Amino acid sequence: MRFNFRLVHKGIVLVSIPLLFELAFVGVLMHLYTAEQMESTRVEHAKKISDSITQMLKEIVAAFKQCDNDAMLRPGFDTNGIRQQITLVDQQYIALRELCRGDARQTEVLNDCAQPVKNMEAVMLQIGDVYDHLGPEEVRRALSQNRKRLQHQVQMVGASQLLSMAQEQQDQVDRSPEVQAGYRRAVKIVLFLAILFNVVLTIVLAIFFSRGITRRIATLVDNSVRLAQGKPLHHVMKGTDEIAHLDQVFHDMADALAEAERSKQEMIGMVTHDLKTPLTTVSALLEMLEDGMFGTLNEQGLSNLKVVSRNVARMNGLIRDLLDIEKIKSGKLALFQEDVNVRDLLEEAAESVRSIAADRKIEIVVKADEVDVYADNQRMQQILINLLSNAIKFSADNSQIILAGKRDGEAVHLTVQDFGRGIPADKLTAVFERFEQTKVTDATQKGGTGLGLAICKALVELHGGQIGVVSEEGKGSTFFFTVPAAKEVEELTPSEAAIKA
């Protein structure tokens, strides 16, 4: 079964798996910590039992020495010392039973030595009573008669498992540092393994998930490049996560763009065929009417004819500009670049519009260095004529337009300067956009399609140059652009040419 995880689910998995292992390691550490604490408690308990047994045996020996002392044969011996020792033995025995409560084997050992302790205490009390109530001879006799009996009871206590139990508890105490050191070593090992394992696991999981994500993101990036290049996209990604959804949206967008492109091409086809051809026919008929081929028109008819002719010319210009813009945008406009003399280029462009400028007594002055550019002559003419036409439209009568070109490093700097009304500061960056006019009324009063400067910008950039404008209202505008200068060919002497060949 194939699971389709969303990115948030993958993120939860990426965090949860190491977290689960961390919890497992924490559980192991808690177990080791608890075991070490239990070992410490057990050792402390064993030490108390060992100390208690040792103390009880010391009290028994001290009581035995009280009763086996020659001082009892002299007057003035205090038998309270014997009773106090017996009391201390009883207290230690009770404390020892409390410590051994819950351990059946230890309780059994204590039960085995309980009777000898009681018998020993009974003999000691008997000897004390003889000393308190009878004379020295009776005391000597009691000591002589009960010494062996008392020794026997003490030996029975010593012969019981009490000493072995004390030794066992002491052995546990002696072994405890090594055992606790083992637990500490285990804790260090577990901590090291936990850190190492979690680091490795996290890296592996990160690589596993990131590879899938980065691979699919790379596919999205490649799809965007393919879309820009007009190549077919990769197949739609499988899955239900956000990346798959984004890829589906991207494919839908690509389909919508393809449909829009198809509609645009249909529109361009319609413009080139269904509009351009009839307009050409209309333009030809208008010229025939103006030439009087169908009879002579009165002044009103001729005036109306000129209006129609201007509108038809404007429509033809708009269609031509639209087709140029589309060719440039689609990359279908090819440049035929060659070395072109700048002075000849500017003179030719000026000559193309000089008759229009002459109608308004506008002088076009050409100033150019002797330099060549590497450019498409026809497209350069188109750029310059567009800029000159704009300059003529917005210049005052009896003014001047300066057309200049000079070398600027590896490029040639070309300018078209007029002394007309200028461009408002807020319009300087927008004049190169499509259908932009300095004023709303310019399209009707001055003519033009609003595409000329946009075409100029596209053609200049197609040559690898830049275009711009500086202007001040009431003082005129200067449009400038750069194109690559022609590479200079090194002239070689015949001998140098032979060597190079």
Protein backbone atom coordinates (compact mmCIF):
# COMPACT_ATOMS: atom_id res chain seq x y z
CA MET A 1 0.00 0.00 0.00
CA ARG A 2 1.36 3.42 -0.96
CA PHE A 3 0.80 6.22 1.52
CA ASN A 4 0.45 9.78 0.29
CA PHE A 5 1.70 12.11 2.98
CA ARG A 6 1.29 15.85 3.00
CA LEU A 7 4.36 17.94 3.81
CA VAL A 8 3.08 18.61 7.32
CA HIS A 9 2.71 14.85 7.86
CA LYS A 10 6.25 14.26 6.61
CA GLY A 11 7.45 16.91 9.03
CA ILE A 12 5.64 15.20 11.90
CA VAL A 13 7.19 11.85 10.94
CA LEU A 14 10.62 13.48 10.67
CA VAL A 15 10.26 14.77 14.23
CA SER A 16 8.33 11.85 15.75
CA ILE A 17 10.64 8.94 14.85
CA PRO A 18 13.75 10.41 16.54
CA LEU A 19 11.53 11.51 19.42
CA LEU A 20 10.25 7.95 19.91
CA PHE A 21 13.79 6.60 20.00
CA GLU A 22 14.78 9.35 22.41
CA LEU A 23 11.91 8.32 24.68
CA ALA A 24 13.12 4.70 24.48
CA PHE A 25 16.64 5.78 25.43
CA VAL A 26 15.25 7.89 28.26
CA GLY A 27 13.39 4.79 29.47
CA VAL A 28 16.62 2.78 29.44
CA LEU A 29 18.41 5.57 31.34
CA MET A 30 15.60 5.72 33.88
CA HIS A 31 15.88 1.95 34.36
CA LEU A 32 19.64 2.21 34.92
CA TYR A 33 19.14 5.13 37.27
CA THR A 34 16.49 3.25 39.25
CA ALA A 35 18.72 0.16 39.39
CA GLU A 36 21.61 2.25 40.71
CA GLN A 37 19.36 3.85 43.32
CA MET A 38 18.11 0.41 44.38
CA GLU A 39 21.71 -0.79 44.59
CA SER A 40 22.57 2.18 46.80
CA THR A 41 19.55 1.48 49.03
CA ARG A 42 20.36 -2.23 49.20
CA VAL A 43 23.99 -1.56 50.07
CA GLU A 44 22.99 0.90 52.76
CA HIS A 45 20.60 -1.68 54.19
CA ALA A 46 23.27 -4.41 54.05
CA LYS A 47 25.72 -2.11 55.83
CA LYS A 48 23.18 -1.46 58.58
CA ILE A 49 22.58 -5.23 59.03
CA SER A 50 26.33 -5.94 59.09
CA ASP A 51 26.96 -3.14 61.59
CA SER A 52 24.01 -4.26 63.74
CA ILE A 53 25.22 -7.89 63.86
CA THR A 54 28.73 -6.76 64.71
CA GLN A 55 27.44 -4.46 67.44
CA MET A 56 25.21 -7.21 68.91
CA LEU A 57 28.12 -9.64 69.02
CA LYS A 58 30.25 -6.98 70.70
CA GLU A 59 27.54 -6.51 73.34
CA ILE A 60 27.31 -10.29 73.89
CA VAL A 61 31.10 -10.53 74.34
CA ALA A 62 31.02 -7.56 76.71
CA ALA A 63 28.23 -9.19 78.77
CA PHE A 64 30.14 -12.49 78.81
CA LYS A 65 33.25 -10.72 80.07
CA GLN A 66 31.19 -9.09 82.83
CA CYS A 67 30.14 -12.52 84.12
CA ASP A 68 33.56 -14.14 83.61
CA ASN A 69 35.39 -11.43 85.53
CA ASP A 70 37.31 -12.14 88.71
CA ALA A 71 35.97 -8.83 90.03
CA MET A 72 32.76 -10.68 90.91
CA LEU A 73 34.75 -12.55 93.59
CA ARG A 74 35.48 -9.30 95.41
CA PRO A 75 32.91 -7.40 97.48
CA GLY A 76 31.31 -4.27 95.96
CA PHE A 77 30.82 -5.59 92.38
CA ASP A 78 27.85 -3.88 90.67
CA THR A 79 25.64 -6.43 88.89
CA ASN A 80 23.69 -3.62 87.14
CA GLY A 81 26.40 -3.61 84.51
CA ILE A 82 25.45 -7.19 83.58
CA ARG A 83 21.80 -6.29 83.32
CA GLN A 84 22.60 -3.21 81.21
CA GLN A 85 24.67 -5.32 78.81
CA ILE A 86 21.80 -7.81 78.55
CA THR A 87 19.45 -4.91 77.79
CA LEU A 88 21.83 -3.67 75.07
CA VAL A 89 21.98 -7.17 73.56
CA ASP A 90 18.17 -7.31 73.49
CA GLN A 91 17.95 -3.88 71.88
CA GLN A 92 20.42 -4.84 69.16
CA TYR A 93 18.56 -8.09 68.54
CA ILE A 94 15.24 -6.25 68.17
CA ALA A 95 16.82 -3.70 65.83
CA LEU A 96 18.36 -6.51 63.79
CA ARG A 97 15.02 -8.30 63.49
CA GLU A 98 13.48 -5.03 62.25
CA LEU A 99 16.19 -4.67 59.62
CA CYS A 100 15.74 -8.28 58.47
CA ARG A 101 11.98 -8.12 58.35
CA GLY A 102 10.74 -9.20 54.94
CA ASP A 103 13.73 -11.49 54.25
CA ALA A 104 12.78 -15.06 55.11
CA ARG A 105 16.34 -16.43 55.17
CA GLN A 106 17.69 -13.69 57.41
CA THR A 107 14.69 -14.03 59.72
CA GLU A 108 15.35 -17.78 59.94
CA VAL A 109 18.99 -17.13 60.91
CA LEU A 110 17.87 -14.76 63.67
CA ASN A 111 15.34 -17.30 64.90
CA ASP A 112 18.08 -19.95 65.08
CA CYS A 113 20.24 -17.79 67.35
CA ALA A 114 17.36 -16.45 69.46
CA GLN A 115 17.32 -19.37 71.90
CA PRO A 116 21.09 -19.40 72.62
CA VAL A 117 20.88 -15.66 73.29
CA LYS A 118 18.02 -16.19 75.73
CA ASN A 119 19.84 -19.06 77.46
CA MET A 120 23.01 -16.93 77.76
CA GLU A 121 21.02 -14.06 79.24
CA ALA A 122 19.30 -16.44 81.71
CA VAL A 123 22.67 -17.75 82.94
CA MET A 124 24.02 -14.21 83.33
CA LEU A 125 20.96 -13.14 85.30
CA GLN A 126 21.29 -16.23 87.50
CA ILE A 127 24.92 -15.40 88.28
CA GLY A 128 23.93 -11.83 89.10
CA ASP A 129 21.17 -12.97 91.42
CA VAL A 130 23.62 -15.27 93.29
CA TYR A 131 25.99 -12.34 93.77
CA ASP A 132 23.17 -10.08 95.02
CA HIS A 133 21.65 -12.57 97.50
CA LEU A 134 24.37 -15.05 98.57
CA GLY A 135 27.93 -14.87 99.79
CA PRO A 136 31.26 -15.07 98.01
CA GLU A 137 31.52 -18.83 98.22
CA GLU A 138 28.20 -19.24 96.47
CA VAL A 139 29.27 -16.78 93.81
CA ARG A 140 32.52 -18.68 93.23
CA ARG A 141 30.59 -21.91 92.99
CA ALA A 142 28.02 -20.36 90.60
CA LEU A 143 30.77 -18.99 88.38
CA SER A 144 32.52 -22.34 88.35
CA GLN A 145 29.33 -24.25 87.61
CA ASN A 146 27.97 -21.84 84.87
CA ARG A 147 31.18 -20.79 83.06
CA LYS A 148 31.15 -23.75 80.71
CA ARG A 149 27.41 -23.45 80.21
CA LEU A 150 27.77 -19.72 79.47
CA GLN A 151 30.65 -20.37 77.08
CA HIS A 152 28.58 -23.01 75.33
CA GLN A 153 25.68 -20.61 74.74
CA VAL A 154 28.02 -17.90 73.46
CA GLN A 155 29.65 -20.42 71.14
CA MET A 156 26.24 -21.48 69.86
CA VAL A 157 25.49 -17.87 68.98
CA GLY A 158 28.85 -17.61 67.22
CA ALA A 159 28.37 -20.98 65.51
CA SER A 160 25.01 -19.92 64.07
CA GLN A 161 24.65 -18.40 60.56
CA LEU A 162 24.73 -14.92 62.09
CA LEU A 163 28.42 -14.36 61.34
CA SER A 164 27.96 -15.72 57.80
CA MET A 165 25.06 -13.37 57.26
CA ALA A 166 27.16 -10.46 58.50
CA GLN A 167 29.96 -11.47 56.13
CA GLU A 168 27.52 -11.72 53.21
CA GLN A 169 26.23 -8.23 53.92
CA GLN A 170 29.76 -6.90 54.18
CA ASP A 171 30.68 -8.57 50.89
CA GLN A 172 27.76 -6.79 49.25
CA VAL A 173 29.00 -3.50 50.68
CA ASP A 174 32.50 -4.21 49.36
CA ARG A 175 31.20 -5.11 45.89
CA SER A 176 28.88 -2.12 45.68
CA PRO A 177 31.41 0.47 44.30
CA GLU A 178 32.19 -1.82 41.38
CA VAL A 179 28.50 -2.49 40.72
CA GLN A 180 27.64 1.23 40.84
CA ALA A 181 30.61 2.00 38.59
CA GLY A 182 29.18 -0.53 36.14
CA TYR A 183 25.85 1.27 36.16
CA ARG A 184 27.57 4.61 35.55
CA ARG A 185 29.52 3.13 32.65
CA ALA A 186 26.27 1.76 31.24
CA VAL A 187 24.65 5.21 31.54
CA LYS A 188 27.56 6.80 29.63
CA ILE A 189 27.41 4.14 26.92
CA VAL A 190 23.64 4.53 26.55
CA LEU A 191 23.98 8.32 26.37
CA PHE A 192 26.69 8.06 23.71
CA LEU A 193 24.71 5.53 21.68
CA ALA A 194 21.54 7.61 22.04
CA ILE A 195 23.24 10.76 20.75
CA LEU A 196 25.01 8.92 17.92
CA PHE A 197 21.89 6.98 16.90
CA ASN A 198 19.64 10.05 16.95
CA VAL A 199 22.13 12.09 14.93
CA VAL A 200 22.48 9.34 12.32
CA LEU A 201 18.73 8.68 12.27
CA THR A 202 17.91 12.37 11.92
CA ILE A 203 20.40 12.77 9.07
CA VAL A 204 19.07 9.68 7.30
CA LEU A 205 15.45 10.79 7.68
CA ALA A 206 16.30 14.35 6.60
CA ILE A 207 18.09 13.05 3.51
CA PHE A 208 15.25 10.62 2.76
CA PHE A 209 12.53 13.25 2.98
CA SER A 210 14.54 16.18 1.56
CA ARG A 211 15.64 14.18 -1.49
CA GLY A 212 12.03 13.52 -2.40
CA ILE A 213 11.07 17.14 -1.78
CA THR A 214 14.09 18.70 -3.54
CA ARG A 215 13.73 16.33 -6.49
CA ARG A 216 10.12 17.34 -6.96
CA ILE A 217 10.90 21.03 -6.44
CA ALA A 218 13.65 20.65 -9.06
CA THR A 219 11.00 19.24 -11.37
CA LEU A 220 8.83 22.32 -10.71
CA VAL A 221 11.78 24.62 -11.45
CA ASP A 222 12.57 22.68 -14.62
CA ASN A 223 8.91 22.93 -15.63
CA SER A 224 9.07 26.72 -15.24
CA VAL A 225 12.19 26.79 -17.46
CA ARG A 226 10.50 24.51 -20.00
CA LEU A 227 7.41 26.71 -19.98
CA ALA A 228 9.55 29.79 -20.66
CA GLN A 229 11.34 27.95 -23.49
CA GLY A 230 8.14 26.56 -24.97
CA LYS A 231 9.12 22.94 -24.31
CA PRO A 232 6.68 20.25 -23.11
CA LEU A 233 6.37 19.89 -19.33
CA HIS A 234 7.09 16.81 -17.28
CA HIS A 235 4.19 14.52 -16.42
CA VAL A 236 1.91 15.60 -13.59
CA MET A 237 3.27 14.48 -10.22
CA LYS A 238 1.48 11.79 -8.30
CA GLY A 239 0.48 12.33 -4.70
CA THR A 240 -1.76 14.51 -2.57
CA ASP A 241 0.75 16.76 -0.84
CA GLU A 242 1.26 20.47 -1.40
CA ILE A 243 3.99 20.03 -4.02
CA ALA A 244 1.82 17.71 -6.10
CA HIS A 245 -1.05 20.21 -5.80
CA LEU A 246 1.28 23.04 -6.86
CA ASP A 247 2.45 20.98 -9.84
CA GLN A 248 -1.16 20.35 -10.85
CA VAL A 249 -1.91 24.08 -10.60
CA PHE A 250 1.24 24.79 -12.65
CA HIS A 251 0.10 22.38 -15.38
CA ASP A 252 -3.36 23.97 -15.36
CA MET A 253 -1.73 27.39 -15.66
CA ALA A 254 0.47 26.13 -18.53
CA ASP A 255 -2.61 24.78 -20.29
CA ALA A 256 -4.37 28.13 -19.78
CA LEU A 257 -1.32 29.98 -21.15
CA ALA A 258 -1.19 27.63 -24.12
CA GLU A 259 -4.86 28.31 -24.76
CA ALA A 260 -4.25 32.05 -24.42
CA GLU A 261 -1.29 31.80 -26.79
CA ARG A 262 -3.43 29.89 -29.25
CA SER A 263 -6.13 32.58 -29.01
CA LYS A 264 -3.51 35.29 -29.45
CA GLN A 265 -2.10 33.60 -32.53
CA GLU A 266 -5.60 33.34 -33.92
CA MET A 267 -6.09 37.04 -33.25
CA ILE A 268 -2.75 37.86 -34.90
CA GLY A 269 -3.76 35.77 -37.87
CA MET A 270 -7.02 37.64 -38.00
CA VAL A 271 -5.20 40.98 -37.78
CA THR A 272 -2.74 40.09 -40.52
CA HIS A 273 -5.30 38.61 -42.84
CA ASP A 274 -8.77 39.85 -41.99
CA LEU A 275 -7.75 43.44 -41.17
CA LYS A 276 -4.50 44.21 -42.92
CA THR A 277 -5.59 43.02 -46.36
CA PRO A 278 -8.90 44.98 -46.38
CA LEU A 279 -7.14 48.07 -44.98
CA THR A 280 -4.55 47.87 -47.76
CA THR A 281 -7.39 47.74 -50.28
CA VAL A 282 -9.14 50.69 -48.62
CA SER A 283 -5.86 52.63 -48.59
CA ALA A 284 -5.37 51.99 -52.32
CA LEU A 285 -8.95 53.10 -53.10
CA LEU A 286 -8.49 56.25 -51.04
CA GLU A 287 -5.36 57.11 -53.00
CA MET A 288 -7.28 56.57 -56.25
CA LEU A 289 -10.09 58.82 -55.03
CA GLU A 290 -7.56 61.47 -54.00
CA ASP A 291 -5.92 61.26 -57.46
CA GLY A 292 -9.35 61.84 -59.10
CA MET A 293 -9.57 58.50 -60.81
CA PHE A 294 -13.29 58.27 -59.95
CA GLY A 295 -14.16 61.87 -60.50
CA THR A 296 -13.35 65.19 -58.92
CA LEU A 297 -14.35 65.78 -55.28
CA ASN A 298 -15.32 69.12 -53.85
CA GLU A 299 -13.34 70.69 -50.99
CA GLN A 300 -15.49 69.09 -48.28
CA GLY A 301 -15.07 65.66 -49.87
CA LEU A 302 -11.30 66.09 -50.13
CA SER A 303 -11.15 67.18 -46.46
CA ASN A 304 -13.14 64.15 -45.38
CA LEU A 305 -11.00 61.95 -47.60
CA LYS A 306 -7.83 63.15 -45.87
CA VAL A 307 -9.35 62.37 -42.45
CA VAL A 308 -10.22 58.86 -43.59
CA SER A 309 -6.75 58.41 -45.13
CA ARG A 310 -5.08 59.45 -41.84
CA ASN A 311 -7.21 57.02 -39.88
CA VAL A 312 -6.48 54.17 -42.31
CA ALA A 313 -2.75 54.99 -42.13
CA ARG A 314 -2.99 55.02 -38.34
CA MET A 315 -4.72 51.61 -38.37
CA ASN A 316 -2.03 50.21 -40.69
CA GLY A 317 0.68 51.59 -38.40
CA LEU A 318 -1.00 50.06 -35.35
CA ILE A 319 -1.21 46.65 -37.05
CA ARG A 320 2.43 46.87 -38.16
CA ASP A 321 3.57 47.85 -34.66
CA LEU A 322 1.51 45.08 -33.05
CA LEU A 323 3.09 42.52 -35.37
CA ASP A 324 6.58 43.83 -34.60
CA ILE A 325 5.92 43.71 -30.85
CA GLU A 326 4.65 40.13 -31.14
CA LYS A 327 7.64 39.02 -33.20
CA ILE A 328 10.07 40.53 -30.70
CA LYS A 329 8.24 39.03 -27.73
CA SER A 330 8.06 35.55 -29.26
CA GLY A 331 11.73 35.67 -30.27
CA LYS A 332 10.87 35.30 -33.94
CA LEU A 333 12.40 38.60 -34.98
CA ALA A 334 15.85 37.91 -36.43
CA LEU A 335 18.52 40.56 -36.61
CA PHE A 336 20.83 40.78 -39.62
CA GLN A 337 23.76 42.53 -37.99
CA GLU A 338 26.68 43.99 -39.86
CA ASP A 339 29.12 46.87 -39.54
CA VAL A 340 27.23 50.11 -40.24
CA ASN A 341 28.73 53.58 -40.41
CA VAL A 342 27.07 55.79 -37.79
CA ARG A 343 27.15 58.99 -39.86
CA ASP A 344 25.55 57.25 -42.84
CA LEU A 345 22.99 55.66 -40.52
CA LEU A 346 21.97 59.00 -39.00
CA GLU A 347 21.92 60.83 -42.35
CA GLU A 348 19.67 58.19 -43.85
CA ALA A 349 17.25 58.36 -40.92
CA ALA A 350 17.21 62.17 -41.02
CA GLU A 351 16.56 62.14 -44.76
CA SER A 352 13.56 59.82 -44.23
CA VAL A 353 11.73 62.39 -42.07
CA ARG A 354 13.22 65.61 -43.41
CA SER A 355 10.22 66.32 -45.67
CA ILE A 356 7.85 66.03 -42.69
CA ALA A 357 10.09 68.30 -40.63
CA ALA A 358 10.32 70.77 -43.50
CA ASP A 359 6.54 71.26 -43.51
CA ARG A 360 6.92 72.77 -40.03
CA LYS A 361 10.30 74.38 -40.77
CA ILE A 362 12.07 72.12 -38.27
CA GLU A 363 15.80 71.70 -38.90
CA ILE A 364 17.43 68.31 -38.32
CA VAL A 365 21.13 68.57 -37.48
CA VAL A 366 23.35 65.47 -37.64
CA LYS A 367 26.52 65.28 -35.50
CA ALA A 368 28.35 61.97 -35.66
CA ASP A 369 31.82 60.58 -35.10
CA GLU A 370 33.48 58.46 -37.71
CA VAL A 371 32.64 55.15 -36.05
CA ASP A 372 30.86 51.94 -37.02
CA VAL A 373 28.25 49.98 -35.09
CA TYR A 374 27.51 46.28 -35.28
CA ALA A 375 23.77 46.33 -35.86
CA ASP A 376 20.83 45.57 -38.12
CA ASN A 377 20.64 48.58 -40.42
CA GLN A 378 16.90 48.26 -41.13
CA ARG A 379 15.99 47.96 -37.41
CA MET A 380 18.30 50.82 -36.49
CA GLN A 381 16.51 52.95 -39.08
CA GLN A 382 13.21 51.92 -37.50
CA ILE A 383 14.43 53.03 -34.05
CA LEU A 384 15.79 56.35 -35.24
CA ILE A 385 12.76 57.18 -37.41
CA ASN A 386 10.43 56.45 -34.50
CA LEU A 387 12.43 58.73 -32.20
CA LEU A 388 12.69 61.44 -34.85
CA SER A 389 8.95 61.23 -35.59
CA ASN A 390 8.20 61.72 -31.89
CA ALA A 391 10.64 64.63 -31.71
CA ILE A 392 8.98 66.30 -34.73
CA LYS A 393 5.48 65.78 -33.31
CA PHE A 394 6.33 67.44 -30.00
CA SER A 395 8.65 70.21 -31.28
CA ALA A 396 7.57 73.73 -31.99
CA ASP A 397 7.63 75.13 -35.51
CA ASN A 398 10.90 76.76 -36.61
CA SER A 399 12.84 74.73 -34.03
CA GLN A 400 15.74 72.34 -34.27
CA ILE A 401 16.34 68.60 -33.66
CA ILE A 402 19.86 67.32 -33.03
CA LEU A 403 20.72 63.77 -34.05
CA ALA A 404 24.13 62.73 -32.64
CA GLY A 405 26.35 59.68 -32.26
CA LYS A 406 29.71 59.18 -30.56
CA ARG A 407 31.94 56.37 -29.35
CA ASP A 408 31.63 55.45 -25.66
CA GLY A 409 34.03 52.62 -24.83
CA GLU A 410 32.83 49.38 -26.40
CA ALA A 411 29.52 50.97 -27.42
CA VAL A 412 28.21 53.85 -29.48
CA HIS A 413 25.99 56.44 -27.78
CA LEU A 414 23.18 57.78 -30.02
CA THR A 415 20.89 60.68 -29.05
CA VAL A 416 17.83 62.43 -30.47
CA GLN A 417 17.39 65.86 -28.85
CA ASP A 418 14.45 68.19 -29.34
CA PHE A 419 13.48 71.50 -27.77
CA GLY A 420 9.74 70.89 -27.50
CA ARG A 421 7.34 70.74 -24.59
CA GLY A 422 9.24 68.01 -22.69
CA ILE A 423 7.91 65.11 -20.64
CA PRO A 424 6.52 65.37 -17.09
CA ALA A 425 8.79 63.79 -14.46
CA ASP A 426 6.13 61.25 -13.43
CA LYS A 427 5.93 59.99 -17.03
CA LEU A 428 9.62 59.45 -17.72
CA THR A 429 9.65 55.78 -16.67
CA ALA A 430 6.32 55.00 -18.35
CA VAL A 431 6.89 56.40 -21.85
CA PHE A 432 8.51 53.13 -22.98
CA GLU A 433 5.48 51.05 -21.97
CA ARG A 434 2.90 49.92 -24.51
CA PHE A 435 0.11 52.34 -25.40
CA GLU A 436 1.54 55.02 -23.12
CA GLN A 437 1.06 58.64 -24.19
CA THR A 438 2.34 61.73 -22.42
CA LYS A 439 -1.18 63.18 -22.62
CA VAL A 440 -4.50 61.47 -23.24
CA THR A 441 -5.21 63.70 -26.22
CA ASP A 442 -1.89 62.94 -27.96
CA ALA A 443 -3.26 59.92 -29.81
CA THR A 444 -5.91 62.00 -31.56
CA GLN A 445 -4.15 65.35 -31.82
CA LYS A 446 -0.57 64.22 -32.50
CA GLY A 447 -1.24 60.79 -33.97
CA GLY A 448 0.67 57.62 -33.18
CA THR A 449 -0.22 54.25 -31.72
CA GLY A 450 1.53 54.42 -28.35
CA LEU A 451 3.73 51.48 -29.39
CA GLY A 452 6.63 53.29 -31.05
CA LEU A 453 8.80 53.79 -27.97
CA ALA A 454 8.00 50.27 -26.71
CA ILE A 455 9.25 48.88 -30.05
CA CYS A 456 12.36 51.07 -29.84
CA LYS A 457 13.12 49.75 -26.36
CA ALA A 458 12.64 46.12 -27.45
CA LEU A 459 14.83 46.54 -30.54
CA VAL A 460 17.61 48.28 -28.60
CA GLU A 461 17.61 45.54 -25.96
CA LEU A 462 17.60 42.95 -28.75
CA HIS A 463 20.87 44.54 -29.92
CA GLY A 464 22.24 44.27 -26.37
CA GLY A 465 21.96 47.98 -25.60
CA GLN A 466 19.98 50.25 -23.30
CA ILE A 467 17.58 53.13 -23.93
CA GLY A 468 16.49 56.05 -21.80
CA VAL A 469 15.32 59.66 -21.77
CA VAL A 470 16.09 62.87 -19.92
CA SER A 471 13.62 65.70 -20.12
CA GLU A 472 12.50 68.96 -18.58
CA GLU A 473 9.06 70.37 -19.18
CA GLY A 474 9.11 73.35 -21.48
CA LYS A 475 12.74 72.81 -22.52
CA GLY A 476 12.64 69.60 -24.52
CA SER A 477 13.67 65.96 -24.30
CA THR A 478 16.74 63.89 -25.17
CA PHE A 479 16.23 60.25 -26.03
CA PHE A 480 19.43 58.21 -25.95
CA PHE A 481 20.39 54.59 -26.55
CA THR A 482 23.54 52.50 -26.96
CA VAL A 483 24.49 49.76 -29.41
CA PRO A 484 27.71 47.72 -29.62
CA ALA A 485 30.51 49.30 -31.57
CA ALA A 486 31.94 47.34 -34.49
CA LYS A 487 35.06 45.37 -33.59
CA GLU A 488 38.15 46.92 -35.03
CA VAL A 489 40.04 44.69 -37.46
CA GLU A 490 43.76 44.71 -36.84
CA GLU A 491 45.71 45.58 -39.98
CA LEU A 492 48.66 43.27 -40.49
CA THR A 493 51.67 43.64 -42.69
CA PRO A 494 52.15 40.93 -45.33
CA SER A 495 54.92 39.30 -43.26
CA GLU A 496 52.77 39.38 -40.06
CA ALA A 497 49.80 37.91 -41.95
CA ALA A 498 52.02 35.10 -43.27
CA ILE A 499 53.31 34.34 -39.77
CA LYS A 500 49.77 34.36 -38.29
CA ALA A 501 48.52 32.11 -41.10
